[in-house]
Protein backbone atom coordinates (compact mmCIF):
# COMPACT_ATOMS: atom_id res chain seq x y z
CA MET A 1 65.04 23.53 133.30
CA THR A 2 63.11 23.63 130.00
CA ASP A 3 61.53 20.28 130.82
CA ALA A 4 60.23 21.67 134.14
CA LEU A 5 58.80 24.77 132.43
CA LEU A 6 57.02 22.64 129.85
CA GLY A 7 55.64 20.44 132.61
CA VAL A 8 54.09 23.43 134.39
CA ALA A 9 52.65 24.82 131.15
CA PHE A 10 51.22 21.41 130.26
CA GLU A 11 49.51 21.08 133.67
CA ASN A 12 48.01 24.56 133.33
CA LEU A 13 46.80 23.72 129.85
CA MET A 14 45.11 20.52 131.01
CA SER A 15 43.48 22.46 133.82
CA GLN A 16 42.01 24.92 131.32
CA LEU A 17 40.71 22.09 129.13
CA GLN A 18 38.67 20.88 132.09
CA ASN A 19 37.43 24.37 132.79
CA GLU A 20 33.95 25.44 131.78
CA PHE A 21 35.39 28.72 130.47
CA SER A 22 37.42 26.94 127.80
CA THR A 23 34.23 25.64 126.17
CA ILE A 24 32.43 28.96 126.33
CA SER A 25 35.33 30.87 124.86
CA ARG A 26 35.92 28.24 122.16
CA ILE A 27 39.55 27.79 123.11
CA SER A 28 39.28 24.04 123.59
CA SER A 29 40.45 23.14 120.05
CA LYS A 30 43.38 25.54 120.32
CA ALA A 31 44.33 24.10 123.70
CA HIS A 32 44.22 20.55 122.34
CA LYS A 33 46.48 21.53 119.46
CA LEU A 34 48.85 23.22 121.89
CA SER A 35 49.00 20.13 124.09
CA THR A 36 49.85 17.98 121.06
CA ASN A 37 52.70 20.32 120.12
CA LEU A 38 53.99 20.37 123.69
CA ASP A 39 53.99 16.56 123.71
CA LEU A 40 55.96 16.43 120.44
CA ILE A 41 58.49 18.96 121.71
CA LYS A 42 58.86 17.31 125.11
CA ALA A 43 59.67 13.98 123.45
CA VAL A 44 62.92 15.38 122.00
CA LEU A 45 63.78 17.78 124.82
CA GLU A 46 66.34 15.51 126.49
CA ASP A 47 68.34 15.20 123.26
CA ALA A 48 68.08 18.96 122.64
CA GLU A 49 69.44 19.75 126.12
CA LYS A 50 72.50 17.65 125.31
CA LYS A 51 73.04 18.98 121.79
CA GLN A 52 72.83 22.64 122.79
CA LEU A 53 76.32 22.25 124.32
CA THR A 54 77.82 21.79 120.87
CA ASN A 55 75.18 23.22 118.53
CA ARG A 56 74.39 26.93 118.79
CA SER A 57 71.28 26.61 116.61
CA VAL A 58 69.78 24.12 119.06
CA LYS A 59 70.64 26.44 121.95
CA VAL A 60 68.81 29.30 120.22
CA TRP A 61 65.84 26.99 119.53
CA LEU A 62 65.65 26.07 123.23
CA GLN A 63 65.71 29.73 124.24
CA GLN A 64 62.89 30.49 121.79
CA LEU A 65 60.97 27.57 123.30
CA LYS A 66 61.47 28.93 126.84
CA ASP A 67 60.30 32.39 125.77
CA ALA A 68 57.17 30.93 124.20
CA VAL A 69 56.43 28.83 127.29
CA TYR A 70 56.61 31.94 129.49
CA VAL A 71 54.12 33.73 127.18
CA LEU A 72 51.80 30.72 127.20
CA ASP A 73 51.95 30.53 130.99
CA ASP A 74 50.96 34.20 131.26
CA ILE A 75 48.01 33.66 128.92
CA LEU A 76 46.81 30.63 130.88
CA ASP A 77 47.13 32.49 134.18
CA GLU A 78 45.06 35.33 132.77
CA CYS A 79 42.48 32.84 131.51
CA SER A 80 42.33 31.10 134.90
CA ILE A 81 41.80 34.33 136.84
CA LYS A 82 39.04 35.51 134.50
CA SER A 83 37.32 32.14 134.56
CA LYS A 84 36.99 32.33 138.37
CA ARG A 85 35.49 35.81 138.10
CA LEU A 86 32.96 34.59 135.52
CA LYS A 87 31.45 31.98 137.80
CA GLY A 88 27.85 32.91 138.53
CA SER A 89 27.79 35.74 136.01
CA SER A 90 26.61 35.88 132.43
CA ALA A 91 29.20 35.00 129.84
CA PHE A 92 27.41 37.26 127.37
CA LYS A 93 28.18 40.56 129.04
CA PRO A 94 30.05 42.85 126.62
CA LYS A 95 33.23 42.97 128.73
CA ASN A 96 33.28 39.16 128.92
CA ILE A 97 32.77 38.81 125.18
CA ILE A 98 35.64 41.23 124.56
CA PHE A 99 37.87 39.31 126.97
CA ARG A 100 37.09 35.97 125.28
CA HIS A 101 37.87 37.51 121.91
CA ASN A 102 41.22 38.84 123.15
CA ILE A 103 42.17 35.53 124.79
CA GLY A 104 41.21 33.69 121.62
CA ASN A 105 43.51 35.92 119.55
CA LYS A 106 46.38 35.46 122.02
CA LEU A 107 45.96 31.70 121.96
CA LYS A 108 45.86 31.75 118.18
CA ASP A 109 49.14 33.68 118.06
CA ILE A 110 50.91 31.47 120.62
CA THR A 111 49.63 28.32 118.89
CA SER A 112 51.17 29.54 115.62
CA ARG A 113 54.39 30.27 117.50
CA PHE A 114 54.52 26.72 118.88
CA ASP A 115 53.69 25.35 115.42
CA GLU A 116 56.82 27.04 114.09
CA ILE A 117 58.95 25.84 117.02
CA ALA A 118 57.69 22.26 116.59
CA ASP A 119 58.45 22.41 112.85
CA ARG A 120 61.96 23.78 113.41
CA LYS A 121 62.88 20.92 115.72
CA ASN A 122 62.83 18.53 112.75
CA LYS A 123 65.85 20.11 111.07
CA PHE A 124 68.04 19.31 114.11
CA LEU A 125 67.39 15.56 113.80
CA LEU A 126 66.54 15.40 117.49
CA GLN A 127 65.89 11.92 118.80
CA GLU A 128 62.98 11.05 121.01
CA GLY A 129 64.24 10.40 124.52
CA VAL A 130 62.94 8.58 127.53
CA THR A 131 60.75 10.15 130.16
CA ALA A 132 62.00 10.78 133.66
CA LYS A 133 60.29 7.64 134.94
CA GLU A 134 61.93 5.53 132.24
CA MET A 135 65.36 7.02 132.85
CA THR A 136 68.04 4.35 133.10
CA VAL A 137 70.09 4.00 136.26
CA GLU A 138 73.13 2.94 134.26
CA VAL A 139 76.03 5.38 134.08
CA ALA A 140 76.74 6.66 130.56
CA GLU A 141 79.95 5.08 129.26
CA TRP A 142 81.75 8.41 128.87
CA ARG A 143 81.09 9.21 132.55
CA GLN A 144 82.21 5.88 133.95
CA THR A 145 85.30 5.76 136.14
CA SER A 146 87.33 2.91 137.59
CA SER A 147 90.03 2.36 140.19
CA ILE A 148 92.73 2.13 137.52
CA ILE A 149 94.91 5.25 137.19
CA ALA A 150 95.14 6.29 133.54
CA GLU A 151 97.68 9.09 134.02
CA PRO A 152 101.39 8.34 133.26
CA LYS A 153 102.31 10.58 136.20
CA VAL A 154 100.16 12.53 138.67
CA TYR A 155 101.37 15.93 139.87
CA GLY A 156 100.68 17.88 143.03
CA ARG A 157 98.54 15.40 144.94
CA GLU A 158 101.03 13.71 147.28
CA ASP A 159 100.06 15.73 150.38
CA ASP A 160 96.35 15.21 149.72
CA LYS A 161 96.89 11.47 149.31
CA GLU A 162 98.92 11.18 152.53
CA LYS A 163 96.26 12.98 154.54
CA ILE A 164 93.52 10.60 153.35
CA VAL A 165 95.64 7.45 153.78
CA GLU A 166 96.50 8.54 157.32
CA PHE A 167 92.79 9.01 158.03
CA LEU A 168 91.95 5.52 156.79
CA LEU A 169 94.79 3.64 158.47
CA ASN A 170 95.12 5.49 161.78
CA GLN A 171 92.33 7.93 162.65
CA VAL A 172 89.36 5.63 162.07
CA ARG A 173 90.97 2.20 162.27
CA ASP A 174 89.20 1.38 165.53
CA SER A 175 85.92 3.14 164.78
CA ASN A 176 82.87 0.94 165.37
CA SER A 177 80.72 2.81 162.84
CA LEU A 178 81.19 3.42 159.12
CA SER A 179 83.53 6.37 158.49
CA VAL A 180 82.72 8.48 155.45
CA TYR A 181 85.39 10.83 154.08
CA PRO A 182 84.08 13.31 151.45
CA ILE A 183 86.41 14.77 148.81
CA VAL A 184 84.92 17.98 147.42
CA GLY A 185 86.08 20.07 144.46
CA LEU A 186 85.24 21.62 141.11
CA GLY A 187 84.64 19.48 138.06
CA GLY A 188 88.00 18.75 136.43
CA VAL A 189 90.08 19.46 139.55
CA GLY A 190 91.15 15.82 139.93
CA LYS A 191 88.90 14.29 142.60
CA THR A 192 88.69 10.93 140.84
CA THR A 193 92.44 10.81 140.22
CA LEU A 194 93.16 11.55 143.90
CA THR A 195 90.74 8.82 144.95
CA GLN A 196 92.43 6.39 142.54
CA LEU A 197 95.82 7.25 144.09
CA VAL A 198 94.52 6.44 147.56
CA TYR A 199 92.72 3.29 146.42
CA SER A 200 95.87 2.00 144.66
CA ASP A 201 98.33 2.88 147.42
CA PRO A 202 100.12 -0.30 148.61
CA ARG A 203 99.33 0.60 152.23
CA VAL A 204 95.61 0.57 151.44
CA SER A 205 95.76 -3.09 150.56
CA THR A 206 94.07 -6.32 151.55
CA THR A 207 96.43 -6.37 154.54
CA ASN A 208 94.51 -3.44 156.04
CA PHE A 209 91.17 -4.05 154.32
CA HIS A 210 89.51 -7.40 153.70
CA THR A 211 87.95 -6.05 150.55
CA LYS A 212 87.93 -2.89 148.41
CA ILE A 213 85.06 -1.83 146.16
CA TRP A 214 84.86 0.96 143.57
CA VAL A 215 81.46 2.24 142.38
CA CYS A 216 80.95 5.10 139.92
CA VAL A 217 77.66 6.69 140.98
CA SER A 218 77.27 9.80 138.79
CA GLU A 219 73.96 11.65 138.44
CA VAL A 220 71.62 8.79 139.40
CA PHE A 221 72.03 7.68 143.01
CA SER A 222 70.41 4.25 142.75
CA VAL A 223 70.73 2.28 146.00
CA LYS A 224 69.89 -0.92 144.15
CA ARG A 225 72.57 -0.40 141.47
CA ILE A 226 75.22 0.49 144.08
CA LEU A 227 74.42 -2.64 146.08
CA CYS A 228 74.56 -4.77 142.92
CA SER A 229 77.96 -3.27 142.09
CA ILE A 230 79.19 -4.25 145.56
CA ILE A 231 77.97 -7.82 145.07
CA GLU A 232 79.59 -8.06 141.62
CA SER A 233 82.87 -6.62 142.93
CA ILE A 234 83.12 -9.16 145.74
CA ASP A 235 81.56 -12.24 144.10
CA ARG A 236 82.99 -11.55 140.62
CA GLN A 237 79.70 -12.51 139.02
CA LYS A 238 76.64 -10.75 137.64
CA CYS A 239 74.00 -9.64 140.13
CA ASP A 240 70.72 -10.89 138.66
CA ALA A 241 68.47 -10.44 141.70
CA LEU A 242 65.49 -8.16 141.09
CA ASP A 243 64.14 -7.83 144.62
CA LEU A 244 65.75 -5.06 146.71
CA ASP A 245 65.37 -7.01 149.95
CA VAL A 246 67.27 -9.98 148.49
CA ILE A 247 70.06 -7.67 147.29
CA GLN A 248 70.30 -5.88 150.65
CA ARG A 249 70.57 -9.13 152.59
CA LYS A 250 73.19 -10.47 150.17
CA VAL A 251 75.37 -7.39 150.69
CA GLN A 252 74.97 -7.59 154.47
CA GLU A 253 76.08 -11.20 154.30
CA LEU A 254 79.12 -10.37 152.15
CA LEU A 255 80.24 -7.46 154.35
CA HIS A 256 79.50 -9.00 157.72
CA GLY A 257 82.57 -8.94 159.96
CA LYS A 258 84.81 -7.56 157.20
CA ARG A 259 86.78 -4.32 157.19
CA PHE A 260 86.06 -2.82 153.79
CA LEU A 261 86.89 0.29 151.79
CA LEU A 262 84.13 1.51 149.53
CA VAL A 263 84.60 4.30 146.98
CA LEU A 264 81.51 6.14 145.75
CA ASP A 265 82.86 8.28 142.93
CA ASP A 266 81.15 11.31 141.38
CA VAL A 267 78.08 11.61 143.64
CA TRP A 268 75.50 14.29 142.75
CA ASN A 269 72.87 15.83 145.00
CA LYS A 270 69.15 15.73 144.23
CA ASN A 271 67.73 19.10 143.14
CA GLU A 272 65.09 20.60 140.81
CA GLU A 273 67.08 19.74 137.70
CA LEU A 274 68.51 16.44 138.95
CA LYS A 275 65.61 14.43 140.33
CA PHE A 276 67.52 11.16 140.75
CA GLY A 277 70.52 12.42 142.70
CA LEU A 278 71.41 11.73 146.34
CA SER A 279 68.86 12.38 149.09
CA GLN A 280 69.04 11.85 152.84
CA GLU A 281 66.50 9.04 152.54
CA LYS A 282 68.54 7.18 149.92
CA TRP A 283 71.74 7.55 151.93
CA ASN A 284 70.07 6.26 155.11
CA GLN A 285 68.84 3.24 153.17
CA LEU A 286 72.31 2.47 151.81
CA LYS A 287 74.15 3.20 155.06
CA SER A 288 71.96 0.78 157.02
CA VAL A 289 73.21 -2.04 154.78
CA LEU A 290 76.86 -0.95 154.92
CA SER A 291 76.85 -0.86 158.72
CA ARG A 292 77.45 -4.63 158.87
CA GLY A 293 81.18 -4.18 158.25
CA SER A 294 83.76 -4.57 161.03
CA LYS A 295 85.77 -1.87 162.83
CA GLY A 296 87.54 0.61 160.57
CA SER A 297 85.27 0.12 157.56
CA SER A 298 85.40 3.32 155.48
CA CYS A 299 83.84 5.02 152.50
CA LEU A 300 85.48 7.64 150.28
CA VAL A 301 83.02 9.91 148.47
CA SER A 302 84.02 12.27 145.66
CA THR A 303 81.62 15.07 144.78
CA ARG A 304 81.32 18.62 143.47
CA ASP A 305 78.61 19.42 145.99
CA VAL A 306 79.12 20.41 149.63
CA VAL A 307 75.52 19.31 150.28
CA VAL A 308 76.52 15.73 149.40
CA ALA A 309 79.42 16.03 151.85
CA SER A 310 77.09 17.27 154.61
CA ILE A 311 74.61 14.41 154.04
CA MET A 312 77.15 11.58 153.84
CA GLY A 313 80.27 12.74 155.65
CA THR A 314 81.21 11.70 159.18
CA CYS A 315 84.15 14.11 159.25
CA HIS A 316 85.14 17.45 157.75
CA ALA A 317 85.24 17.37 153.96
CA HIS A 318 88.60 17.36 152.18
CA HIS A 319 88.44 20.32 149.80
CA LEU A 320 90.60 19.74 146.72
CA TYR A 321 92.02 22.80 145.01
CA GLY A 322 93.79 23.46 141.71
CA LEU A 323 97.43 22.69 140.91
CA SER A 324 100.18 25.27 141.18
CA GLU A 325 101.30 26.97 137.94
CA ASN A 326 104.39 24.77 137.78
CA GLU A 327 102.44 21.55 138.43
CA CYS A 328 99.91 22.54 135.80
CA TRP A 329 102.73 23.20 133.34
CA LEU A 330 104.33 19.79 134.05
CA LEU A 331 100.99 18.07 133.40
CA PHE A 332 100.39 20.12 130.24
CA LYS A 333 103.93 19.33 129.03
CA GLN A 334 103.41 15.61 129.66
CA TYR A 335 100.52 15.59 127.18
CA ALA A 336 101.88 18.18 124.72
CA PHE A 337 105.37 16.76 124.28
CA GLY A 338 105.27 13.25 125.68
CA HIS A 339 108.53 11.31 125.92
CA ASP A 340 109.39 11.25 122.24
CA ARG A 341 109.13 14.89 121.19
CA GLU A 342 111.80 17.54 121.48
CA GLU A 343 110.84 20.53 123.62
CA GLN A 344 111.36 23.53 121.36
CA VAL A 345 112.31 26.61 123.36
CA GLU A 346 109.80 28.90 121.65
CA LEU A 347 106.97 26.40 122.17
CA VAL A 348 107.89 25.91 125.84
CA GLU A 349 107.45 29.63 126.55
CA ILE A 350 104.09 29.75 124.81
CA GLY A 351 103.06 26.50 126.48
CA LYS A 352 103.73 27.90 129.94
CA GLU A 353 101.42 30.82 129.16
CA ILE A 354 98.72 28.43 127.96
CA ALA A 355 99.11 26.31 131.10
CA LYS A 356 98.58 29.42 133.26
CA LYS A 357 95.21 29.94 131.58
CA CYS A 358 94.07 26.49 132.79
CA GLY A 359 93.46 27.89 136.26
CA GLY A 360 95.17 24.95 137.96
CA LEU A 361 92.57 22.48 136.68
CA PRO A 362 94.16 19.17 135.57
CA LEU A 363 91.37 18.36 133.11
CA ALA A 364 91.97 21.65 131.28
CA ALA A 365 95.75 21.04 131.18
CA GLN A 366 95.22 17.52 129.83
CA ALA A 367 92.75 18.61 127.18
CA LEU A 368 94.92 21.45 125.87
CA GLY A 369 98.13 19.45 126.18
CA GLY A 370 96.57 16.72 124.06
CA LEU A 371 95.43 19.33 121.53
CA MET A 372 98.93 20.83 121.22
CA ARG A 373 100.50 17.39 120.69
CA SER A 374 99.38 17.51 117.06
CA ARG A 375 100.61 21.09 116.51
CA SER A 376 104.26 21.77 115.84
CA THR A 377 104.57 25.39 114.71
CA GLU A 378 104.87 28.54 116.79
CA LYS A 379 101.98 30.08 114.86
CA GLU A 380 99.63 27.22 115.80
CA TRP A 381 100.55 27.48 119.48
CA LEU A 382 100.10 31.25 119.50
CA GLU A 383 96.69 30.81 117.88
CA ILE A 384 95.56 28.81 120.94
CA LYS A 385 97.24 31.12 123.45
CA GLU A 386 95.59 34.23 121.98
CA SER A 387 92.18 32.74 121.23
CA ARG A 388 89.18 34.89 122.16
CA LEU A 389 87.55 31.83 123.72
CA TRP A 390 89.64 32.45 126.85
CA ASP A 391 87.56 35.59 127.40
CA SER A 392 84.25 33.71 127.38
CA PRO A 393 82.25 34.57 130.53
CA THR A 394 82.17 31.50 132.79
CA ASP A 395 82.53 30.54 136.44
CA ASN A 396 84.60 27.49 135.57
CA ASP A 397 88.13 27.76 134.15
CA VAL A 398 87.89 24.34 132.54
CA LEU A 399 85.14 25.31 130.06
CA PRO A 400 87.17 27.60 127.77
CA ALA A 401 89.90 24.96 127.58
CA LEU A 402 87.47 22.21 126.66
CA THR A 403 85.70 24.50 124.19
CA LEU A 404 89.04 25.22 122.51
CA SER A 405 89.84 21.51 122.31
CA TYR A 406 86.43 20.84 120.75
CA SER A 407 86.76 23.73 118.29
CA TYR A 408 89.92 22.24 116.79
CA LEU A 409 88.56 18.74 116.29
CA THR A 410 87.97 17.54 112.74
CA ARG A 411 84.40 17.71 111.47
CA THR A 412 84.10 13.92 111.71
CA LEU A 413 85.21 13.84 115.36
CA LYS A 414 82.90 16.72 116.24
CA GLN A 415 79.96 14.59 115.11
CA CYS A 416 80.81 12.13 117.90
CA PHE A 417 79.81 14.77 120.46
CA THR A 418 76.33 15.33 119.05
CA PHE A 419 74.92 12.01 120.24
C-alpha cells in the first residue's frame, strides 16, 4: 500500500520536474531533493512493511510517511493545475507571483518533513530490499509447506477428507479433462493439513494415480517455478533449464498418458498489493501444459481467496470452517499437555476457556497450546485467559492468539521475527 502511494507521488514529482512551471517557480531544487528522499525511503520500504507487524515504532513511522505522501500529492496536484492555467499568460502577474511563493513555502515545509522521516528510518536498522521487478519467485522458508503431516493427531477433518477422496476416486475418475478441486478457508483454519490428509490417504496412492506432486505456491504464482517443481518431483533431480518452452515440453512429456494428482498449496490472487499472484492468463498457461495427463487427472488447490477458486476450479469450492469447541480443546490440550504431563483439574477448566477464544481455528489452538506447555501455575494460565489482547479489534480470530504467543516469547526469540 505505502509502496503504491510512493510510486504515484514519485511519478507526479517527475512530471513536475519536466514542467516549465517548476523552473519559473524555482521549485526544481526542492523537487530533486524530495525525489532523492523518496528513493532512499522506498529502498527500505519492503523491510519496514514486514517489521511493522512486530515493531510499533516502525508502524507509526509508516503511518507518518503515508500522511506526508498524501500532503505531497495534494501540493503536486495544486501545482499541476496552476501550471496548466499559466500557459500563455505572464508568470509575473501579482496573483501568479503570490501563488509561486505559497507553493514554494509548502514544498519547503514538506521537504523538511520528508527529511525528518528519512532520518528517522535509520534508527530502525531497516535493510534495503529488492524492487518489485527483482522480487524472487522462491517461497520464503517459513511459508513453505510439504505433503508430510506434522501433527501428532488431526481433529475434526474426517468428513472433509472423505468428501474430497470420494471426489478424486469416483466422481472424476473417468473425466477426460483436468479436474480442479478448490479448498477455500481463512488463514489458520487448516487447509494445508486437510490437503496433507487427502494426499497421504492410502487410497490416494500410486494404485489410483501414476504420480503425485506437491507444490507450495504462496504469494508468487510463477508458472515456470511450478513446472520446475513438477519436473523435480517426478525426475528426482534439479531442474536447470532456463527456457520456458523447454520446461513446458519436458512437463508435457512427463505427464503424457499418466493419471496424476497435483497439489497447489496456498495460492494467492493477483491484486493491487500482490502483483505476482494468480491471474487468469497465468492459469491458462499452466493448465495448457497439465492437460496432457490421462483420464482422472486432478488438481487440489488450497486458498484463502474465492476469486482463486473461481479462476481455477472446475467444481464448487470446498469451504473449510473452524473446529467445534470440543475439537479445538482436544487440539489445544495435545499441545499444552502432551503425553507426559498430568492434566491438572484447575488448568483443564481454564484451558477450555482459552480454547473457546480460538474461534475454532487450529493454528490459534496450536500456538496457544504450545505457549501453555511451558506454564504450570494457575496464575500463569489465568493471565493468558484474561489478557486484554483478546479484545483487540480484528476480523480474524487467529491474530490475538498469535499476538499473545509472540508477546510471551523471550527477548532473544522475538528478535527472530524482525528479519
